[in-house]
Amino acid sequence: MANLTNKTSRCRRNKRRTHWVVKAPQLVDCPRCHQPKLPHRVCLACGYYKGRQVVKVED
């Protein structure tokens, strides 16, 4: 089993992990029903995508 020749310092380790961040999803308003939705996906409220009804939504 390999042994470390030099210990990685906490500073160097933490610099490598600076981009491990959980970000909130970017939401846009649906142009038809104005409900928040994820971009480039079908609106879950009305079922429309790019001006066409793709999914039937029950009331």
C-alpha atoms as a PDB file:
ATOM      1  CA  MET A   1       0.000   0.000   0.000  1.00  0.00           C
ATOM      2  CA  ALA A   2       1.326   3.407  -0.957  1.00  0.00           C
ATOM      3  CA  ASN A   3       2.404   5.881   1.708  1.00  0.00           C
ATOM      4  CA  LEU A   4       2.115   9.634   1.467  1.00  0.00           C
ATOM      5  CA  THR A   5       5.412  11.413   0.951  1.00  0.00           C
ATOM      6  CA  ASN A   6       4.003  14.817   1.910  1.00  0.00           C
ATOM      7  CA  LYS A   7       0.848  15.501   3.884  1.00  0.00           C
ATOM      8  CA  THR A   8      -1.732  17.598   2.048  1.00  0.00           C
ATOM      9  CA  SER A   9      -2.389  20.695   4.121  1.00  0.00           C
ATOM     10  CA  ARG A  10      -5.889  21.769   5.123  1.00  0.00           C
ATOM     11  CA  CYS A  11      -5.510  24.920   3.055  1.00  0.00           C
ATOM     12  CA  ARG A  12      -4.632  23.044  -0.141  1.00  0.00           C
ATOM     13  CA  ARG A  13      -7.362  20.467   0.458  1.00  0.00           C
ATOM     14  CA  ASN A  14      -9.992  23.147   1.034  1.00  0.00           C
ATOM     15  CA  LYS A  15      -8.928  25.129  -2.060  1.00  0.00           C
ATOM     16  CA  ARG A  16      -9.677  22.053  -4.137  1.00  0.00           C
ATOM     17  CA  ARG A  17     -13.165  21.787  -2.606  1.00  0.00           C
ATOM     18  CA  THR A  18     -14.239  25.413  -3.082  1.00  0.00           C
ATOM     19  CA  HIS A  19     -16.595  24.563  -5.955  1.00  0.00           C
ATOM     20  CA  TRP A  20     -18.513  21.842  -4.063  1.00  0.00           C
ATOM     21  CA  VAL A  21     -21.571  24.033  -3.631  1.00  0.00           C
ATOM     22  CA  VAL A  22     -25.248  23.163  -3.793  1.00  0.00           C
ATOM     23  CA  LYS A  23     -27.016  25.817  -5.838  1.00  0.00           C
ATOM     24  CA  ALA A  24     -30.733  26.514  -6.011  1.00  0.00           C
ATOM     25  CA  PRO A  25     -32.296  25.573  -9.371  1.00  0.00           C
ATOM     26  CA  GLN A  26     -32.895  28.454 -11.779  1.00  0.00           C
ATOM     27  CA  LEU A  27     -36.614  28.877 -12.352  1.00  0.00           C
ATOM     28  CA  VAL A  28     -38.368  30.776 -15.140  1.00  0.00           C
ATOM     29  CA  ASP A  29     -42.029  31.708 -15.532  1.00  0.00           C
ATOM     30  CA  CYS A  30     -44.151  29.706 -17.942  1.00  0.00           C
ATOM     31  CA  PRO A  31     -45.238  32.073 -20.744  1.00  0.00           C
ATOM     32  CA  ARG A  32     -48.731  30.551 -20.772  1.00  0.00           C
ATOM     33  CA  CYS A  33     -49.758  30.118 -17.115  1.00  0.00           C
ATOM     34  CA  HIS A  34     -46.975  32.143 -15.411  1.00  0.00           C
ATOM     35  CA  GLN A  35     -46.113  29.358 -12.954  1.00  0.00           C
ATOM     36  CA  PRO A  36     -42.422  28.771 -12.098  1.00  0.00           C
ATOM     37  CA  LYS A  37     -40.818  25.920 -14.037  1.00  0.00           C
ATOM     38  CA  LEU A  38     -37.373  24.629 -14.916  1.00  0.00           C
ATOM     39  CA  PRO A  39     -36.042  25.970 -18.222  1.00  0.00           C
ATOM     40  CA  HIS A  40     -36.249  23.727 -21.319  1.00  0.00           C
ATOM     41  CA  ARG A  41     -38.805  21.434 -19.661  1.00  0.00           C
ATOM     42  CA  VAL A  42     -42.544  20.882 -19.838  1.00  0.00           C
ATOM     43  CA  CYS A  43     -44.597  23.068 -17.505  1.00  0.00           C
ATOM     44  CA  LEU A  44     -46.100  20.838 -14.827  1.00  0.00           C
ATOM     45  CA  ALA A  45     -49.034  23.198 -14.249  1.00  0.00           C
ATOM     46  CA  CYS A  46     -50.376  23.479 -17.814  1.00  0.00           C
ATOM     47  CA  GLY A  47     -48.478  20.779 -19.760  1.00  0.00           C
ATOM     48  CA  TYR A  48     -47.204  23.109 -22.498  1.00  0.00           C
ATOM     49  CA  TYR A  49     -43.722  23.246 -24.021  1.00  0.00           C
ATOM     50  CA  LYS A  50     -42.726  25.689 -26.789  1.00  0.00           C
ATOM     51  CA  GLY A  51     -46.344  26.711 -27.368  1.00  0.00           C
ATOM     52  CA  ARG A  52     -47.681  23.168 -27.821  1.00  0.00           C
ATOM     53  CA  GLN A  53     -49.532  20.971 -25.368  1.00  0.00           C
ATOM     54  CA  VAL A  54     -47.299  17.993 -24.732  1.00  0.00           C
ATOM     55  CA  VAL A  55     -48.809  16.506 -21.575  1.00  0.00           C
ATOM     56  CA  LYS A  56     -52.462  16.389 -20.585  1.00  0.00           C
ATOM     57  CA  VAL A  57     -52.910  17.796 -17.092  1.00  0.00           C
ATOM     58  CA  GLU A  58     -55.924  16.769 -15.040  1.00  0.00           C
ATOM     59  CA  ASP A  59     -57.733  19.501 -13.104  1.00  0.00           C
END
